Structures are given as structure tokens and as C-alpha cells.
């Protein structure tokens, strides 16, 4: 008997990607699952640009080459989809206190992903499908039992 699991489509926020790139832990496991195509990770150009900006922060002490290599790895791991429309971002801004998270929510909604993986407290509280990385990994593992 052959078991076929349906691949989950997962929208990944910038904080999850940065954590997965720079630290061992749940974020890096999620990125590896994407690299192995066990799940389909998606994000937008807008969020990928945000990741690049965060990686340039002095506290990470990364060279331009290291940042380029990390972004290249993301391109191999995550499907980059088009940014949501301005109208979609404006519509999502009305749902959130922190308006700068509107492009994340709009990207998630337009991507048709099942989950939004984020560490953002407001998104986790208000958005159906928003989960912490550890909770998503536990969900994925439970489907294998």
C-alpha cells in the first residue's frame, strides 16, 4: 500500500525566514522541509526584500557575500509569488492594528496558502491559519503518525 500525503502550502513571514537562516531550530527545519519539497513554502517579493534588509543589520555581522548566499538559498527553498495588489493591502490594513503587517496578511490571503507561519503576535491572535513554526511542525509530524 502506498501512502500519498498532500503537500501543504505554507506562507512564510520574514521573521521565520531570518530565524531559519541564522539559527538552528524550528525555522531551519521548516526551510529544510521546503528545500526537500516536503512542503511548499511561499512568500512575496516584498517579504523577501524585508529579509534582505534585516540580514544587513550590524548585529548579524554578515558580509555581502554571506547575505547573497542566504538569499540564494531562500530562492531554492521558497516559491516567490507576486506582491498583492495595493487594494488588497489596504483592505487588510483595516483588519490590523499594526498597519505595516498588512502586506504580510494580503500576501498570505492572495497566495491561497493553508498556513501563515509567523512570530507576529497580532497575526497569530487575529488571523485564522496563522501559526508559530513549532506548532506547524507538530501539525506536520502528526499527519505522519
C-alpha atoms as a PDB file:
ATOM      1  CA  UNK A   1       0.000   0.000   0.000  1.00  0.00           C
ATOM      2  CA  UNK A   2       1.375   3.406  -0.986  1.00  0.00           C
ATOM      3  CA  UNK A   3       0.577   6.438   1.179  1.00  0.00           C
ATOM      4  CA  UNK A   4       0.442   9.793  -0.595  1.00  0.00           C
ATOM      5  CA  UNK A   5       0.459  12.883   1.588  1.00  0.00           C
ATOM      6  CA  UNK A   6      -0.945  16.120   0.257  1.00  0.00           C
ATOM      7  CA  UNK A   7       1.769  18.741   0.238  1.00  0.00           C
ATOM      8  CA  UNK A   8       0.895  21.690   2.442  1.00  0.00           C
ATOM      9  CA  UNK A   9       1.197  25.226   1.031  1.00  0.00           C
ATOM     10  CA  UNK A  10       2.702  27.446   3.720  1.00  0.00           C
ATOM     11  CA  UNK A  11       3.178  31.217   3.590  1.00  0.00           C
ATOM     12  CA  UNK A  12       6.352  32.272   5.414  1.00  0.00           C
ATOM     13  CA  UNK A  13       6.822  35.666   7.096  1.00  0.00           C
ATOM     14  CA  UNK A  14      10.185  37.457   7.256  1.00  0.00           C
ATOM     15  CA  UNK A  15      10.833  36.723  10.929  1.00  0.00           C
ATOM     16  CA  UNK A  16      10.504  32.984  10.332  1.00  0.00           C
ATOM     17  CA  UNK A  17      12.896  33.084   7.369  1.00  0.00           C
ATOM     18  CA  UNK A  18      15.532  35.122   9.228  1.00  0.00           C
ATOM     19  CA  UNK A  19      15.341  32.786  12.207  1.00  0.00           C
ATOM     20  CA  UNK A  20      15.594  29.737   9.949  1.00  0.00           C
ATOM     21  CA  UNK A  21      18.582  31.149   8.091  1.00  0.00           C
ATOM     22  CA  UNK A  22      20.603  32.274  11.084  1.00  0.00           C
ATOM     23  CA  UNK A  23      19.759  29.902  13.922  1.00  0.00           C
ATOM     24  CA  UNK A  24      19.401  26.170  14.416  1.00  0.00           C
ATOM     25  CA  UNK A  25      15.871  25.272  15.417  1.00  0.00           C
ATOM     26  CA  UNK A  26      12.325  25.080  14.148  1.00  0.00           C
ATOM     27  CA  UNK A  27      12.772  27.767  11.492  1.00  0.00           C
ATOM     28  CA  UNK A  28      15.735  25.985   9.956  1.00  0.00           C
ATOM     29  CA  UNK A  29      13.818  22.672   9.994  1.00  0.00           C
ATOM     30  CA  UNK A  30      10.945  24.341   8.137  1.00  0.00           C
ATOM     31  CA  UNK A  31      13.314  25.739   5.495  1.00  0.00           C
ATOM     32  CA  UNK A  32      14.851  22.284   5.071  1.00  0.00           C
ATOM     33  CA  UNK A  33      11.396  20.797   4.540  1.00  0.00           C
ATOM     34  CA  UNK A  34      10.928  23.379   1.808  1.00  0.00           C
ATOM     35  CA  UNK A  35      14.306  22.567   0.292  1.00  0.00           C
ATOM     36  CA  UNK A  36      13.372  18.871   0.176  1.00  0.00           C
ATOM     37  CA  UNK A  37       9.949  19.813  -1.283  1.00  0.00           C
ATOM     38  CA  UNK A  38       8.159  18.050   1.568  1.00  0.00           C
ATOM     39  CA  UNK A  39       6.077  21.227   1.886  1.00  0.00           C
ATOM     40  CA  UNK A  40       5.542  24.135  -0.476  1.00  0.00           C
ATOM     41  CA  UNK A  41       6.829  27.305   1.156  1.00  0.00           C
ATOM     42  CA  UNK A  42       5.704  30.586  -0.406  1.00  0.00           C
ATOM     43  CA  UNK A  43       6.346  34.267   0.224  1.00  0.00           C
ATOM     44  CA  UNK A  44       6.217  37.523  -1.716  1.00  0.00           C
ATOM     45  CA  UNK A  45       8.914  39.700  -3.238  1.00  0.00           C
ATOM     46  CA  UNK A  46       8.035  42.347  -0.625  1.00  0.00           C
ATOM     47  CA  UNK A  47       8.766  39.987   2.273  1.00  0.00           C
ATOM     48  CA  UNK A  48      11.921  38.637   0.649  1.00  0.00           C
ATOM     49  CA  UNK A  49      13.172  42.229   0.336  1.00  0.00           C
ATOM     50  CA  UNK A  50      12.443  42.730   4.042  1.00  0.00           C
ATOM     51  CA  UNK A  51      14.531  39.632   4.845  1.00  0.00           C
ATOM     52  CA  UNK A  52      17.451  41.102   2.879  1.00  0.00           C
ATOM     53  CA  UNK A  53      17.192  44.350   4.833  1.00  0.00           C
ATOM     54  CA  UNK A  54      17.120  42.542   8.177  1.00  0.00           C
ATOM     55  CA  UNK A  55      20.168  40.439   7.263  1.00  0.00           C
ATOM     56  CA  UNK A  56      22.140  43.672   6.697  1.00  0.00           C
ATOM     57  CA  UNK A  57      21.738  44.707  10.337  1.00  0.00           C
ATOM     58  CA  UNK A  58      25.079  45.125  12.132  1.00  0.00           C
ATOM     59  CA  UNK A  59      24.176  42.689  14.915  1.00  0.00           C
ATOM     60  CA  UNK A  60      24.305  39.814  12.434  1.00  0.00           C
ATOM     61  CA  UNK A  61      27.759  40.801  11.146  1.00  0.00           C
ATOM     62  CA  UNK A  62      27.213  39.217   7.728  1.00  0.00           C
ATOM     63  CA  UNK A  63      29.239  40.018   4.645  1.00  0.00           C
ATOM     64  CA  UNK A  64      27.545  40.945   1.384  1.00  0.00           C
ATOM     65  CA  UNK A  65      28.527  37.514   0.024  1.00  0.00           C
ATOM     66  CA  UNK A  66      27.002  35.724   3.024  1.00  0.00           C
ATOM     67  CA  UNK A  67      23.761  37.671   2.604  1.00  0.00           C
ATOM     68  CA  UNK A  68      23.716  36.875  -1.120  1.00  0.00           C
ATOM     69  CA  UNK A  69      24.236  33.169  -0.355  1.00  0.00           C
ATOM     70  CA  UNK A  70      21.417  33.163   2.215  1.00  0.00           C
ATOM     71  CA  UNK A  71      19.012  34.864  -0.194  1.00  0.00           C
ATOM     72  CA  UNK A  72      20.038  32.381  -2.918  1.00  0.00           C
ATOM     73  CA  UNK A  73      19.211  29.541  -0.537  1.00  0.00           C
ATOM     74  CA  UNK A  74      15.756  31.037   0.024  1.00  0.00           C
ATOM     75  CA  UNK A  75      15.198  31.134  -3.737  1.00  0.00           C
ATOM     76  CA  UNK A  76      15.877  27.382  -3.805  1.00  0.00           C
ATOM     77  CA  UNK A  77      13.631  26.730  -0.814  1.00  0.00           C
ATOM     78  CA  UNK A  78      10.670  29.072  -1.173  1.00  0.00           C
ATOM     79  CA  UNK A  79       8.394  29.904  -4.097  1.00  0.00           C
ATOM     80  CA  UNK A  80       8.373  33.681  -4.527  1.00  0.00           C
ATOM     81  CA  UNK A  81       4.945  34.911  -5.616  1.00  0.00           C
ATOM     82  CA  UNK A  82       3.867  38.345  -6.816  1.00  0.00           C
ATOM     83  CA  UNK A  83       3.123  41.025  -4.273  1.00  0.00           C
ATOM     84  CA  UNK A  84      -0.569  41.530  -3.500  1.00  0.00           C
ATOM     85  CA  UNK A  85      -2.309  44.481  -5.091  1.00  0.00           C
ATOM     86  CA  UNK A  86      -2.374  47.840  -3.333  1.00  0.00           C
ATOM     87  CA  UNK A  87      -6.130  47.424  -2.928  1.00  0.00           C
ATOM     88  CA  UNK A  88      -5.633  44.072  -1.170  1.00  0.00           C
ATOM     89  CA  UNK A  89      -3.033  45.597   1.164  1.00  0.00           C
ATOM     90  CA  UNK A  90      -5.398  48.490   2.004  1.00  0.00           C
ATOM     91  CA  UNK A  91      -8.230  46.047   2.699  1.00  0.00           C
ATOM     92  CA  UNK A  92      -6.000  44.061   5.066  1.00  0.00           C
ATOM     93  CA  UNK A  93      -4.803  47.212   6.832  1.00  0.00           C
ATOM     94  CA  UNK A  94      -8.330  47.651   8.142  1.00  0.00           C
ATOM     95  CA  UNK A  95      -8.110  44.276   9.886  1.00  0.00           C
ATOM     96  CA  UNK A  96      -4.894  45.037  11.822  1.00  0.00           C
ATOM     97  CA  UNK A  97      -3.708  47.494  14.433  1.00  0.00           C
ATOM     98  CA  UNK A  98      -0.152  47.324  13.078  1.00  0.00           C
ATOM     99  CA  UNK A  99      -0.623  48.547   9.505  1.00  0.00           C
ATOM    100  CA  UNK A 100       2.893  47.505   8.439  1.00  0.00           C
ATOM    101  CA  UNK A 101       1.751  43.875   8.677  1.00  0.00           C
ATOM    102  CA  UNK A 102      -0.939  44.446   6.040  1.00  0.00           C
ATOM    103  CA  UNK A 103       1.332  43.346   3.133  1.00  0.00           C
ATOM    104  CA  UNK A 104       2.029  40.096   5.003  1.00  0.00           C
ATOM    105  CA  UNK A 105      -1.641  39.365   5.549  1.00  0.00           C
ATOM    106  CA  UNK A 106      -2.535  40.343   1.978  1.00  0.00           C
ATOM    107  CA  UNK A 107       0.278  38.143   0.648  1.00  0.00           C
ATOM    108  CA  UNK A 108      -0.955  35.218   2.728  1.00  0.00           C
ATOM    109  CA  UNK A 109      -4.521  35.662   1.541  1.00  0.00           C
ATOM    110  CA  UNK A 110      -3.582  36.021  -2.123  1.00  0.00           C
ATOM    111  CA  UNK A 111      -1.197  33.039  -2.006  1.00  0.00           C
ATOM    112  CA  UNK A 112      -4.005  30.614  -1.114  1.00  0.00           C
ATOM    113  CA  UNK A 113      -1.703  29.041   1.479  1.00  0.00           C
ATOM    114  CA  UNK A 114      -3.155  26.876   4.206  1.00  0.00           C
ATOM    115  CA  UNK A 115      -0.939  28.373   6.921  1.00  0.00           C
ATOM    116  CA  UNK A 116       0.833  31.656   7.676  1.00  0.00           C
ATOM    117  CA  UNK A 117       3.970  30.931   9.681  1.00  0.00           C
ATOM    118  CA  UNK A 118       4.917  33.952  11.730  1.00  0.00           C
ATOM    119  CA  UNK A 119       6.109  35.113  15.113  1.00  0.00           C
ATOM    120  CA  UNK A 120       3.968  38.260  14.968  1.00  0.00           C
ATOM    121  CA  UNK A 121       1.640  38.277  17.980  1.00  0.00           C
ATOM    122  CA  UNK A 122      -1.185  40.234  16.352  1.00  0.00           C
ATOM    123  CA  UNK A 123      -1.247  37.999  13.271  1.00  0.00           C
ATOM    124  CA  UNK A 124      -1.170  34.886  15.464  1.00  0.00           C
ATOM    125  CA  UNK A 125      -4.084  36.188  17.525  1.00  0.00           C
ATOM    126  CA  UNK A 126      -6.314  37.575  14.764  1.00  0.00           C
ATOM    127  CA  UNK A 127      -5.698  35.531  11.614  1.00  0.00           C
ATOM    128  CA  UNK A 128      -7.118  32.076  11.053  1.00  0.00           C
ATOM    129  CA  UNK A 129      -4.314  29.875   9.753  1.00  0.00           C
ATOM    130  CA  UNK A 130      -1.545  31.903  11.428  1.00  0.00           C
ATOM    131  CA  UNK A 131       0.721  29.599  13.434  1.00  0.00           C
ATOM    132  CA  UNK A 132       4.086  29.562  15.147  1.00  0.00           C
ATOM    133  CA  UNK A 133       6.724  27.426  13.467  1.00  0.00           C
ATOM    134  CA  UNK A 134       6.800  24.862  16.277  1.00  0.00           C
ATOM    135  CA  UNK A 135       3.023  24.391  16.092  1.00  0.00           C
ATOM    136  CA  UNK A 136       3.142  23.922  12.333  1.00  0.00           C
ATOM    137  CA  UNK A 137       5.926  21.338  12.625  1.00  0.00           C
ATOM    138  CA  UNK A 138       3.892  19.463  15.238  1.00  0.00           C
ATOM    139  CA  UNK A 139       0.896  19.503  12.872  1.00  0.00           C
ATOM    140  CA  UNK A 140       3.024  18.170  10.021  1.00  0.00           C
ATOM    141  CA  UNK A 141       4.516  15.444  12.221  1.00  0.00           C
ATOM    142  CA  UNK A 142       1.083  14.390  13.484  1.00  0.00           C
ATOM    143  CA  UNK A 143      -0.035  13.715   9.899  1.00  0.00           C
ATOM    144  CA  UNK A 144       2.812  11.204   9.564  1.00  0.00           C
ATOM    145  CA  UNK A 145       1.676   9.068  12.505  1.00  0.00           C
END
